[in-house]
Amino acid sequence: MSLRDYEGNKIAIWLAYFTADSRRKGRKIRKVKITLDDLFSAAKALGLEPEVLDKVHPGSRIKGLIMVKKVKGKYKLIKDIYSYLQQQKKL
């Protein structure tokens, strides 16, 4: 299944957004050590209806992608997930 199949309904959140070595390789926020399971559970707790896909991030080659329901902009969702993980002390 292609990412284009989700266009308009869901947003792709890559694990690389949180764990890549540099922003050039795809990181969007401060580097954290989390797993795909942590990312999935955070999205689920926020009510984003996550769905795990078996894909590799093109810039960093980090495996891990979840598709979440589009309720806000992409960057706001990333920040919400990051703050949820901070509150849960997983960072």
C-alpha atoms as a PDB file:
ATOM      1  CA  MET A   1       0.000   0.000   0.000  1.00  0.00           C
ATOM      2  CA  SER A   2       1.318   3.415  -0.964  1.00  0.00           C
ATOM      3  CA  LEU A   3       1.395   6.488   1.250  1.00  0.00           C
ATOM      4  CA  ARG A   4      -0.693   8.269  -1.386  1.00  0.00           C
ATOM      5  CA  ASP A   5      -3.606   5.997  -0.504  1.00  0.00           C
ATOM      6  CA  TYR A   6      -3.878   7.859   2.806  1.00  0.00           C
ATOM      7  CA  GLU A   7      -3.698  11.361   1.316  1.00  0.00           C
ATOM      8  CA  GLY A   8      -6.004  13.818   3.049  1.00  0.00           C
ATOM      9  CA  ASN A   9      -7.145  11.421   5.771  1.00  0.00           C
ATOM     10  CA  LYS A  10      -3.978  10.446   7.597  1.00  0.00           C
ATOM     11  CA  ILE A  11      -0.529  11.866   8.257  1.00  0.00           C
ATOM     12  CA  ALA A  12       2.752   9.937   8.162  1.00  0.00           C
ATOM     13  CA  ILE A  13       4.788  10.133  11.365  1.00  0.00           C
ATOM     14  CA  TRP A  14       8.219   8.563  10.898  1.00  0.00           C
ATOM     15  CA  LEU A  15      10.293   7.254  13.807  1.00  0.00           C
ATOM     16  CA  ALA A  16      13.175   9.158  12.189  1.00  0.00           C
ATOM     17  CA  TYR A  17      11.446  12.437  13.145  1.00  0.00           C
ATOM     18  CA  PHE A  18      12.449  11.635  16.734  1.00  0.00           C
ATOM     19  CA  THR A  19      15.598   9.487  16.439  1.00  0.00           C
ATOM     20  CA  ALA A  20      17.619  10.537  13.355  1.00  0.00           C
ATOM     21  CA  ASP A  21      21.171  11.749  13.932  1.00  0.00           C
ATOM     22  CA  SER A  22      20.586  15.163  12.376  1.00  0.00           C
ATOM     23  CA  ARG A  23      17.839  17.355  11.012  1.00  0.00           C
ATOM     24  CA  ARG A  24      19.367  16.861   7.578  1.00  0.00           C
ATOM     25  CA  LYS A  25      18.544  13.159   7.909  1.00  0.00           C
ATOM     26  CA  GLY A  26      14.940  13.839   8.859  1.00  0.00           C
ATOM     27  CA  ARG A  27      14.715  14.690  12.561  1.00  0.00           C
ATOM     28  CA  LYS A  28      12.065  17.330  13.294  1.00  0.00           C
ATOM     29  CA  ILE A  29      12.554  17.891  17.044  1.00  0.00           C
ATOM     30  CA  ARG A  30      15.098  17.289  19.802  1.00  0.00           C
ATOM     31  CA  LYS A  31      16.689  13.841  19.517  1.00  0.00           C
ATOM     32  CA  VAL A  32      15.150  11.219  21.786  1.00  0.00           C
ATOM     33  CA  LYS A  33      15.639   7.508  22.284  1.00  0.00           C
ATOM     34  CA  ILE A  34      12.290   5.849  21.667  1.00  0.00           C
ATOM     35  CA  THR A  35      11.060   2.779  19.854  1.00  0.00           C
ATOM     36  CA  LEU A  36       8.268   2.359  17.360  1.00  0.00           C
ATOM     37  CA  ASP A  37       6.188   0.799  20.157  1.00  0.00           C
ATOM     38  CA  ASP A  38       6.597   3.961  22.267  1.00  0.00           C
ATOM     39  CA  LEU A  39       5.545   6.092  19.313  1.00  0.00           C
ATOM     40  CA  PHE A  40       2.545   3.849  18.625  1.00  0.00           C
ATOM     41  CA  SER A  41       1.375   3.869  22.255  1.00  0.00           C
ATOM     42  CA  ALA A  42       1.694   7.670  22.474  1.00  0.00           C
ATOM     43  CA  ALA A  43      -0.366   8.150  19.309  1.00  0.00           C
ATOM     44  CA  LYS A  44      -2.959   5.688  20.570  1.00  0.00           C
ATOM     45  CA  ALA A  45      -3.215   7.446  23.934  1.00  0.00           C
ATOM     46  CA  LEU A  46      -3.789  10.746  22.108  1.00  0.00           C
ATOM     47  CA  GLY A  47      -6.666   9.187  20.165  1.00  0.00           C
ATOM     48  CA  LEU A  48      -4.972   9.413  16.765  1.00  0.00           C
ATOM     49  CA  GLU A  49      -5.911   5.896  15.585  1.00  0.00           C
ATOM     50  CA  PRO A  50      -2.333   4.868  14.644  1.00  0.00           C
ATOM     51  CA  GLU A  51      -1.554   2.246  12.035  1.00  0.00           C
ATOM     52  CA  VAL A  52       1.972   0.803  11.703  1.00  0.00           C
ATOM     53  CA  LEU A  53       3.444   0.420   8.220  1.00  0.00           C
ATOM     54  CA  ASP A  54       6.615  -1.470   7.327  1.00  0.00           C
ATOM     55  CA  LYS A  55       8.536   1.299   5.544  1.00  0.00           C
ATOM     56  CA  VAL A  56      12.027   2.838   5.718  1.00  0.00           C
ATOM     57  CA  HIS A  57      12.603   6.602   5.947  1.00  0.00           C
ATOM     58  CA  PRO A  58      14.319   7.657   2.708  1.00  0.00           C
ATOM     59  CA  GLY A  59      16.781  10.135   4.229  1.00  0.00           C
ATOM     60  CA  SER A  60      17.985   8.342   7.325  1.00  0.00           C
ATOM     61  CA  ARG A  61      17.228   4.684   6.475  1.00  0.00           C
ATOM     62  CA  ILE A  62      15.501   4.292   9.877  1.00  0.00           C
ATOM     63  CA  LYS A  63      12.709   1.735   9.780  1.00  0.00           C
ATOM     64  CA  GLY A  64       9.425   2.755  11.347  1.00  0.00           C
ATOM     65  CA  LEU A  65       6.313   4.599  10.229  1.00  0.00           C
ATOM     66  CA  ILE A  66       2.893   5.127  11.706  1.00  0.00           C
ATOM     67  CA  MET A  67      -0.068   6.687   9.964  1.00  0.00           C
ATOM     68  CA  VAL A  68      -2.277   8.770  12.258  1.00  0.00           C
ATOM     69  CA  LYS A  69      -5.633  10.458  11.841  1.00  0.00           C
ATOM     70  CA  LYS A  70      -5.326  14.019  10.585  1.00  0.00           C
ATOM     71  CA  VAL A  71      -6.745  16.223  13.324  1.00  0.00           C
ATOM     72  CA  LYS A  72      -4.120  19.015  13.200  1.00  0.00           C
ATOM     73  CA  GLY A  73      -1.124  19.954  11.139  1.00  0.00           C
ATOM     74  CA  LYS A  74       1.790  17.542  10.945  1.00  0.00           C
ATOM     75  CA  TYR A  75       4.226  19.549  13.051  1.00  0.00           C
ATOM     76  CA  LYS A  76       1.615  20.159  15.770  1.00  0.00           C
ATOM     77  CA  LEU A  77       0.961  16.410  15.959  1.00  0.00           C
ATOM     78  CA  ILE A  78       4.689  15.728  16.267  1.00  0.00           C
ATOM     79  CA  LYS A  79       4.922  18.265  19.104  1.00  0.00           C
ATOM     80  CA  ASP A  80       1.882  16.723  20.834  1.00  0.00           C
ATOM     81  CA  ILE A  81       3.419  13.257  20.675  1.00  0.00           C
ATOM     82  CA  TYR A  82       6.743  14.613  21.949  1.00  0.00           C
ATOM     83  CA  SER A  83       5.115  16.353  24.923  1.00  0.00           C
ATOM     84  CA  TYR A  84       3.069  13.244  25.734  1.00  0.00           C
ATOM     85  CA  LEU A  85       6.263  11.178  25.796  1.00  0.00           C
ATOM     86  CA  GLN A  86       7.900  13.789  28.031  1.00  0.00           C
ATOM     87  CA  GLN A  87       5.008  13.605  30.499  1.00  0.00           C
ATOM     88  CA  GLN A  88       5.228   9.808  30.545  1.00  0.00           C
ATOM     89  CA  LYS A  89       8.981  10.071  31.293  1.00  0.00           C
ATOM     90  CA  LYS A  90       9.899   7.970  28.284  1.00  0.00           C
ATOM     91  CA  LEU A  91      12.491  10.506  27.140  1.00  0.00           C
END
